[in-house]
Amino acid sequence: MAVSLRITTYASLVALGAACVALPAFAATANIKALDPDNDGTVSLSEAQAAGAHKFAALDPDGDRTLDAKEAKSVLIDFSAADPDKDGTIDKAEYAAAIAAAFKAADPDADGTVDAAEFATPAGQKLLGLIQ
């Protein structure tokens, strides 16, 4: 009886571990669906830029078409790197450039798209922070 209970418990823990490993991939797949209007299962740079434009607008509550450090605090961004003119704000073009750089990092196979597996990487998570 004790051996059977141990085997059942072990099997349950193995199944739970497998589910935890699969969770980021599932979450990434769900994220892709929201960002993938052509439903090809991947996100292209243009799709990422479109999503990023919506994110930028949501992060800019004062509507001044720039993000200061406080407004950009919630996104995974290196503020100083995203502000090449060092004016203390990130405008739409600078935000788009940050998305392009994050996209390139999240697309190591350079096929021009980011898929669920690539979104599950740290670079993919950074990209998601900018566009979702």
N, C-alpha and C. Protein backbone atom coordinates (compact mmCIF):
# COMPACT_ATOMS: atom_id res chain seq x y z
N MET A 1 0.81 -1.19 0.00
CA MET A 1 0.00 0.00 0.00
C MET A 1 0.86 1.26 0.00
N ALA A 2 1.92 1.27 0.85
CA ALA A 2 2.80 2.44 0.93
C ALA A 2 3.56 2.64 -0.38
N VAL A 3 3.98 1.55 -1.03
CA VAL A 3 4.68 1.65 -2.31
C VAL A 3 3.75 2.23 -3.37
N SER A 4 2.51 1.78 -3.39
CA SER A 4 1.53 2.28 -4.35
C SER A 4 1.28 3.76 -4.15
N LEU A 5 1.19 4.18 -2.90
CA LEU A 5 0.96 5.59 -2.59
C LEU A 5 2.16 6.42 -3.04
N ARG A 6 3.38 5.93 -2.81
CA ARG A 6 4.58 6.65 -3.23
C ARG A 6 4.64 6.77 -4.74
N ILE A 7 4.32 5.72 -5.45
CA ILE A 7 4.34 5.76 -6.92
C ILE A 7 3.30 6.74 -7.43
N THR A 8 2.11 6.71 -6.85
CA THR A 8 1.05 7.65 -7.26
C THR A 8 1.48 9.08 -6.98
N THR A 9 2.06 9.31 -5.79
CA THR A 9 2.51 10.66 -5.44
C THR A 9 3.62 11.11 -6.39
N TYR A 10 4.58 10.23 -6.66
CA TYR A 10 5.67 10.54 -7.58
C TYR A 10 5.14 10.86 -8.98
N ALA A 11 4.20 10.05 -9.45
CA ALA A 11 3.62 10.28 -10.77
C ALA A 11 2.89 11.62 -10.82
N SER A 12 2.21 11.95 -9.74
CA SER A 12 1.51 13.24 -9.68
C SER A 12 2.50 14.40 -9.72
N LEU A 13 3.61 14.27 -9.00
CA LEU A 13 4.61 15.33 -9.00
C LEU A 13 5.27 15.48 -10.36
N VAL A 14 5.53 14.37 -11.02
CA VAL A 14 6.10 14.43 -12.37
C VAL A 14 5.14 15.13 -13.32
N ALA A 15 3.87 14.80 -13.23
CA ALA A 15 2.86 15.44 -14.09
C ALA A 15 2.76 16.92 -13.79
N LEU A 16 2.81 17.29 -12.52
CA LEU A 16 2.75 18.70 -12.14
C LEU A 16 3.96 19.45 -12.68
N GLY A 17 5.14 18.84 -12.57
CA GLY A 17 6.35 19.46 -13.11
C GLY A 17 6.27 19.66 -14.60
N ALA A 18 5.75 18.67 -15.31
CA ALA A 18 5.59 18.79 -16.76
C ALA A 18 4.63 19.92 -17.11
N ALA A 19 3.57 20.04 -16.33
CA ALA A 19 2.60 21.11 -16.58
C ALA A 19 3.24 22.47 -16.35
N CYS A 20 4.07 22.59 -15.32
CA CYS A 20 4.73 23.86 -15.04
C CYS A 20 5.71 24.23 -16.15
N VAL A 21 6.39 23.27 -16.70
CA VAL A 21 7.32 23.52 -17.80
C VAL A 21 6.55 23.95 -19.05
N ALA A 22 5.40 23.34 -19.28
CA ALA A 22 4.61 23.66 -20.46
C ALA A 22 3.86 24.98 -20.33
N LEU A 23 3.67 25.48 -19.12
CA LEU A 23 2.89 26.69 -18.91
C LEU A 23 3.43 27.90 -19.67
N PRO A 24 4.75 28.19 -19.62
CA PRO A 24 5.22 29.35 -20.39
C PRO A 24 4.95 29.22 -21.89
N ALA A 25 5.09 28.03 -22.44
CA ALA A 25 4.81 27.84 -23.86
C ALA A 25 3.33 28.08 -24.14
N PHE A 26 2.45 27.59 -23.25
CA PHE A 26 1.02 27.82 -23.41
C PHE A 26 0.72 29.31 -23.33
N ALA A 27 1.30 29.98 -22.34
CA ALA A 27 1.07 31.42 -22.19
C ALA A 27 1.56 32.17 -23.41
N ALA A 28 2.72 31.78 -23.92
CA ALA A 28 3.26 32.44 -25.11
C ALA A 28 2.34 32.23 -26.30
N THR A 29 1.78 31.03 -26.44
CA THR A 29 0.84 30.77 -27.54
C THR A 29 -0.38 31.66 -27.42
N ALA A 30 -0.90 31.80 -26.20
CA ALA A 30 -2.06 32.67 -25.98
C ALA A 30 -1.71 34.11 -26.33
N ASN A 31 -0.48 34.55 -25.96
CA ASN A 31 -0.04 35.90 -26.28
C ASN A 31 0.06 36.11 -27.78
N ILE A 32 0.55 35.13 -28.48
CA ILE A 32 0.69 35.25 -29.93
C ILE A 32 -0.67 35.46 -30.59
N LYS A 33 -1.68 34.73 -30.16
CA LYS A 33 -3.00 34.86 -30.77
C LYS A 33 -3.51 36.29 -30.69
N ALA A 34 -3.25 36.95 -29.59
CA ALA A 34 -3.71 38.34 -29.43
C ALA A 34 -2.91 39.31 -30.30
N LEU A 35 -1.70 38.93 -30.67
CA LEU A 35 -0.82 39.82 -31.43
C LEU A 35 -0.69 39.44 -32.89
N ASP A 36 -1.42 38.42 -33.31
CA ASP A 36 -1.24 37.80 -34.63
C ASP A 36 -2.50 37.92 -35.47
N PRO A 37 -2.79 39.11 -36.03
CA PRO A 37 -4.05 39.27 -36.77
C PRO A 37 -4.16 38.39 -38.02
N ASP A 38 -3.03 37.98 -38.61
CA ASP A 38 -3.14 37.12 -39.79
C ASP A 38 -3.20 35.63 -39.43
N ASN A 39 -3.17 35.34 -38.13
CA ASN A 39 -3.33 33.96 -37.63
C ASN A 39 -2.38 32.95 -38.25
N ASP A 40 -1.12 33.37 -38.47
CA ASP A 40 -0.16 32.41 -39.00
C ASP A 40 0.66 31.73 -37.90
N GLY A 41 0.35 32.06 -36.64
CA GLY A 41 1.03 31.42 -35.51
C GLY A 41 2.33 32.07 -35.11
N THR A 42 2.67 33.17 -35.76
CA THR A 42 3.88 33.92 -35.43
C THR A 42 3.56 35.41 -35.44
N VAL A 43 4.48 36.20 -34.90
CA VAL A 43 4.32 37.65 -34.91
C VAL A 43 5.47 38.23 -35.75
N SER A 44 5.10 39.00 -36.75
CA SER A 44 6.09 39.67 -37.59
C SER A 44 6.46 41.01 -36.96
N LEU A 45 7.49 41.65 -37.49
CA LEU A 45 7.88 42.96 -36.97
C LEU A 45 6.75 43.97 -37.15
N SER A 46 6.06 43.94 -38.28
CA SER A 46 4.96 44.91 -38.48
C SER A 46 3.83 44.67 -37.48
N GLU A 47 3.55 43.40 -37.17
CA GLU A 47 2.52 43.10 -36.16
C GLU A 47 2.99 43.57 -34.78
N ALA A 48 4.27 43.38 -34.48
CA ALA A 48 4.81 43.83 -33.20
C ALA A 48 4.77 45.36 -33.12
N GLN A 49 5.09 46.03 -34.22
CA GLN A 49 5.06 47.50 -34.23
C GLN A 49 3.63 48.02 -34.04
N ALA A 50 2.67 47.36 -34.67
CA ALA A 50 1.27 47.78 -34.51
C ALA A 50 0.82 47.62 -33.06
N ALA A 51 1.16 46.48 -32.46
CA ALA A 51 0.81 46.26 -31.05
C ALA A 51 1.54 47.26 -30.16
N GLY A 52 2.79 47.55 -30.50
CA GLY A 52 3.56 48.52 -29.74
C GLY A 52 2.99 49.92 -29.80
N ALA A 53 2.41 50.29 -30.92
CA ALA A 53 1.78 51.61 -31.04
C ALA A 53 0.59 51.72 -30.07
N HIS A 54 -0.16 50.65 -29.94
CA HIS A 54 -1.28 50.64 -28.98
C HIS A 54 -0.75 50.71 -27.55
N LYS A 55 0.33 49.97 -27.27
CA LYS A 55 0.93 49.99 -25.94
C LYS A 55 1.46 51.38 -25.61
N PHE A 56 2.11 52.02 -26.59
CA PHE A 56 2.65 53.36 -26.38
C PHE A 56 1.51 54.31 -25.98
N ALA A 57 0.41 54.26 -26.71
CA ALA A 57 -0.73 55.14 -26.41
C ALA A 57 -1.26 54.88 -25.00
N ALA A 58 -1.30 53.62 -24.60
CA ALA A 58 -1.80 53.29 -23.26
C ALA A 58 -0.83 53.78 -22.17
N LEU A 59 0.46 53.81 -22.48
CA LEU A 59 1.45 54.27 -21.51
C LEU A 59 1.55 55.78 -21.42
N ASP A 60 0.89 56.49 -22.32
CA ASP A 60 0.99 57.95 -22.43
C ASP A 60 -0.32 58.61 -21.99
N PRO A 61 -0.66 58.55 -20.70
CA PRO A 61 -1.96 59.06 -20.27
C PRO A 61 -2.12 60.57 -20.43
N ASP A 62 -1.00 61.32 -20.42
CA ASP A 62 -1.12 62.76 -20.59
C ASP A 62 -1.21 63.17 -22.06
N GLY A 63 -1.03 62.21 -22.97
CA GLY A 63 -1.22 62.47 -24.39
C GLY A 63 -0.20 63.40 -25.02
N ASP A 64 0.99 63.52 -24.42
CA ASP A 64 1.98 64.43 -24.99
C ASP A 64 2.85 63.76 -26.05
N ARG A 65 2.52 62.53 -26.41
CA ARG A 65 3.19 61.76 -27.46
C ARG A 65 4.64 61.41 -27.12
N THR A 66 4.97 61.45 -25.84
CA THR A 66 6.27 61.00 -25.36
C THR A 66 6.05 60.25 -24.05
N LEU A 67 7.02 59.40 -23.73
CA LEU A 67 7.01 58.71 -22.45
C LEU A 67 8.19 59.21 -21.62
N ASP A 68 7.89 59.62 -20.40
CA ASP A 68 8.99 59.93 -19.49
C ASP A 68 9.31 58.66 -18.71
N ALA A 69 10.31 58.71 -17.86
CA ALA A 69 10.74 57.52 -17.13
C ALA A 69 9.61 56.94 -16.29
N LYS A 70 8.79 57.79 -15.71
CA LYS A 70 7.68 57.32 -14.88
C LYS A 70 6.65 56.57 -15.72
N GLU A 71 6.32 57.11 -16.89
CA GLU A 71 5.33 56.45 -17.75
C GLU A 71 5.86 55.14 -18.32
N ALA A 72 7.16 55.08 -18.59
CA ALA A 72 7.75 53.88 -19.19
C ALA A 72 8.15 52.85 -18.14
N LYS A 73 7.95 53.16 -16.87
CA LYS A 73 8.40 52.28 -15.79
C LYS A 73 7.84 50.87 -15.89
N SER A 74 6.64 50.71 -16.39
CA SER A 74 5.99 49.39 -16.40
C SER A 74 6.47 48.48 -17.54
N VAL A 75 7.19 49.00 -18.50
CA VAL A 75 7.68 48.16 -19.61
C VAL A 75 9.11 47.74 -19.36
N LEU A 76 9.47 46.60 -19.92
CA LEU A 76 10.83 46.09 -19.76
C LEU A 76 11.72 46.80 -20.78
N ILE A 77 12.22 47.96 -20.40
CA ILE A 77 13.00 48.75 -21.34
C ILE A 77 14.18 49.40 -20.63
N ASP A 78 15.30 49.47 -21.31
CA ASP A 78 16.46 50.23 -20.83
C ASP A 78 16.21 51.65 -21.29
N PHE A 79 15.72 52.49 -20.38
CA PHE A 79 15.27 53.83 -20.75
C PHE A 79 16.37 54.62 -21.43
N SER A 80 17.57 54.59 -20.88
CA SER A 80 18.65 55.40 -21.46
C SER A 80 19.00 54.93 -22.87
N ALA A 81 18.95 53.62 -23.12
CA ALA A 81 19.25 53.11 -24.46
C ALA A 81 18.14 53.47 -25.44
N ALA A 82 16.91 53.56 -24.95
CA ALA A 82 15.77 53.87 -25.82
C ALA A 82 15.62 55.38 -26.05
N ASP A 83 16.45 56.17 -25.40
CA ASP A 83 16.39 57.63 -25.53
C ASP A 83 17.73 58.14 -26.09
N PRO A 84 18.00 57.86 -27.38
CA PRO A 84 19.32 58.21 -27.93
C PRO A 84 19.62 59.70 -27.94
N ASP A 85 18.60 60.54 -28.00
CA ASP A 85 18.86 61.98 -28.00
C ASP A 85 18.98 62.55 -26.58
N LYS A 86 18.79 61.69 -25.59
CA LYS A 86 18.98 62.04 -24.17
C LYS A 86 18.18 63.26 -23.74
N ASP A 87 16.93 63.36 -24.26
CA ASP A 87 16.08 64.47 -23.84
C ASP A 87 15.19 64.11 -22.66
N GLY A 88 15.35 62.91 -22.13
CA GLY A 88 14.57 62.51 -20.96
C GLY A 88 13.20 61.94 -21.28
N THR A 89 12.92 61.78 -22.57
CA THR A 89 11.64 61.19 -22.99
C THR A 89 11.89 60.22 -24.15
N ILE A 90 10.93 59.33 -24.33
CA ILE A 90 10.95 58.42 -25.47
C ILE A 90 9.75 58.77 -26.33
N ASP A 91 10.02 59.16 -27.57
CA ASP A 91 8.92 59.46 -28.48
C ASP A 91 8.52 58.19 -29.24
N LYS A 92 7.52 58.30 -30.09
CA LYS A 92 7.01 57.12 -30.80
C LYS A 92 8.09 56.45 -31.66
N ALA A 93 8.90 57.25 -32.33
CA ALA A 93 9.95 56.69 -33.18
C ALA A 93 11.00 55.96 -32.35
N GLU A 94 11.36 56.52 -31.21
CA GLU A 94 12.33 55.86 -30.33
C GLU A 94 11.75 54.56 -29.75
N TYR A 95 10.46 54.59 -29.41
CA TYR A 95 9.80 53.38 -28.91
C TYR A 95 9.75 52.31 -30.00
N ALA A 96 9.45 52.72 -31.22
CA ALA A 96 9.44 51.78 -32.35
C ALA A 96 10.83 51.19 -32.57
N ALA A 97 11.87 52.00 -32.41
CA ALA A 97 13.24 51.49 -32.56
C ALA A 97 13.57 50.49 -31.45
N ALA A 98 13.08 50.74 -30.24
CA ALA A 98 13.30 49.80 -29.13
C ALA A 98 12.59 48.48 -29.41
N ILE A 99 11.39 48.56 -30.00
CA ILE A 99 10.67 47.34 -30.38
C ILE A 99 11.45 46.58 -31.45
N ALA A 100 11.96 47.30 -32.44
CA ALA A 100 12.72 46.65 -33.51
C ALA A 100 13.96 45.94 -32.96
N ALA A 101 14.65 46.58 -32.03
CA ALA A 101 15.84 45.97 -31.43
C ALA A 101 15.45 44.74 -30.60
N ALA A 102 14.37 44.85 -29.84
CA ALA A 102 13.91 43.72 -29.03
C ALA A 102 13.43 42.58 -29.93
N PHE A 103 12.79 42.93 -31.03
CA PHE A 103 12.32 41.92 -31.99
C PHE A 103 13.52 41.16 -32.56
N LYS A 104 14.54 41.89 -32.96
CA LYS A 104 15.74 41.25 -33.54
C LYS A 104 16.37 40.28 -32.53
N ALA A 105 16.43 40.69 -31.27
CA ALA A 105 16.99 39.83 -30.23
C ALA A 105 16.12 38.60 -29.97
N ALA A 106 14.80 38.75 -30.14
CA ALA A 106 13.87 37.65 -29.89
C ALA A 106 13.74 36.71 -31.08
N ASP A 107 14.36 37.06 -32.20
CA ASP A 107 14.29 36.27 -33.43
C ASP A 107 15.68 35.74 -33.81
N PRO A 108 16.21 34.81 -32.99
CA PRO A 108 17.59 34.37 -33.24
C PRO A 108 17.79 33.64 -34.56
N ASP A 109 16.74 33.04 -35.10
CA ASP A 109 16.89 32.36 -36.38
C ASP A 109 16.72 33.33 -37.56
N ALA A 110 16.44 34.58 -37.27
CA ALA A 110 16.34 35.65 -38.27
C ALA A 110 15.39 35.32 -39.41
N ASP A 111 14.27 34.65 -39.08
CA ASP A 111 13.29 34.35 -40.12
C ASP A 111 12.24 35.44 -40.27
N GLY A 112 12.37 36.52 -39.49
CA GLY A 112 11.46 37.65 -39.61
C GLY A 112 10.19 37.50 -38.82
N THR A 113 10.11 36.45 -38.00
CA THR A 113 8.94 36.24 -37.15
C THR A 113 9.39 35.74 -35.78
N VAL A 114 8.54 35.96 -34.79
CA VAL A 114 8.77 35.43 -33.45
C VAL A 114 7.63 34.46 -33.16
N ASP A 115 7.99 33.22 -32.82
CA ASP A 115 6.98 32.20 -32.54
C ASP A 115 6.88 31.98 -31.03
N ALA A 116 6.04 31.04 -30.62
CA ALA A 116 5.79 30.80 -29.20
C ALA A 116 7.06 30.43 -28.46
N ALA A 117 7.90 29.59 -29.05
CA ALA A 117 9.14 29.18 -28.39
C ALA A 117 10.06 30.38 -28.20
N GLU A 118 10.12 31.26 -29.18
CA GLU A 118 10.97 32.44 -29.08
C GLU A 118 10.41 33.44 -28.06
N PHE A 119 9.08 33.55 -27.97
CA PHE A 119 8.48 34.42 -26.96
C PHE A 119 8.74 33.91 -25.55
N ALA A 120 8.97 32.62 -25.39
CA ALA A 120 9.21 32.04 -24.07
C ALA A 120 10.62 32.32 -23.55
N THR A 121 11.51 32.85 -24.40
CA THR A 121 12.87 33.16 -23.99
C THR A 121 12.90 34.52 -23.28
N PRO A 122 13.99 34.81 -22.56
CA PRO A 122 14.09 36.14 -21.94
C PRO A 122 13.97 37.29 -22.95
N ALA A 123 14.56 37.12 -24.12
CA ALA A 123 14.45 38.17 -25.15
C ALA A 123 13.00 38.30 -25.62
N GLY A 124 12.32 37.18 -25.77
CA GLY A 124 10.92 37.21 -26.16
C GLY A 124 10.04 37.86 -25.10
N GLN A 125 10.35 37.62 -23.84
CA GLN A 125 9.60 38.25 -22.75
C GLN A 125 9.81 39.76 -22.74
N LYS A 126 11.04 40.18 -23.05
CA LYS A 126 11.32 41.62 -23.14
C LYS A 126 10.48 42.25 -24.25
N LEU A 127 10.43 41.57 -25.40
CA LEU A 127 9.62 42.06 -26.50
C LEU A 127 8.15 42.16 -26.09
N LEU A 128 7.65 41.11 -25.44
CA LEU A 128 6.26 41.13 -25.00
C LEU A 128 6.00 42.30 -24.06
N GLY A 129 6.96 42.60 -23.20
CA GLY A 129 6.79 43.74 -22.29
C GLY A 129 6.59 45.06 -23.02
N LEU A 130 7.19 45.17 -24.20
CA LEU A 130 7.06 46.39 -24.98
C LEU A 130 5.78 46.47 -25.80
N ILE A 131 5.22 45.32 -26.15
CA ILE A 131 4.10 45.34 -27.09
C ILE A 131 2.77 44.86 -26.51
N GLN A 132 2.80 44.31 -25.33
CA GLN A 132 1.54 43.79 -24.78
C GLN A 132 1.12 44.51 -23.54
